[in-house]
Amino acid sequence: MNRRALSIAAAALVALLATGCQSAPVAESKEIEIHIKAGGTYLWNDEPVTLEDLNRRLNAEAAKKHQPVIIVSADSDADFASVSAVFATVQRLDLTKVGVVGGS
């Protein structure tokens, strides 16, 4: 950058700071990992939870202004009913930031 461009940039920065202009804060999306294990065990960010507790937590997250990113994964031998129960809840609550990761 040459001297003239540098001094113009510095003057612009001083003017910006003098007016108190601030950028809007960027809302970070929270990420929640839900894993379904064989036998119908659910994990919420590696913490074992019941289906009822999982539903309660998803309800609380859906009520927030900035909804989280939900990452769903399942063991390859996880029960279909257990997996579909998670997706039914996500759909019912209109949680739209959902990703699916291949089973382990």
Foldseek 3Di string as FASTA:
>chain_A
DDPVVVVVVVVVVVVCVVVVDDDDDDDDAAEWEWEAEAPLWIQINNHTDHLVVVLVVQLVQLPDPRHHQYEYEYAPNHDPVSVVSNVVSCVVSVPDRYHYDYHD
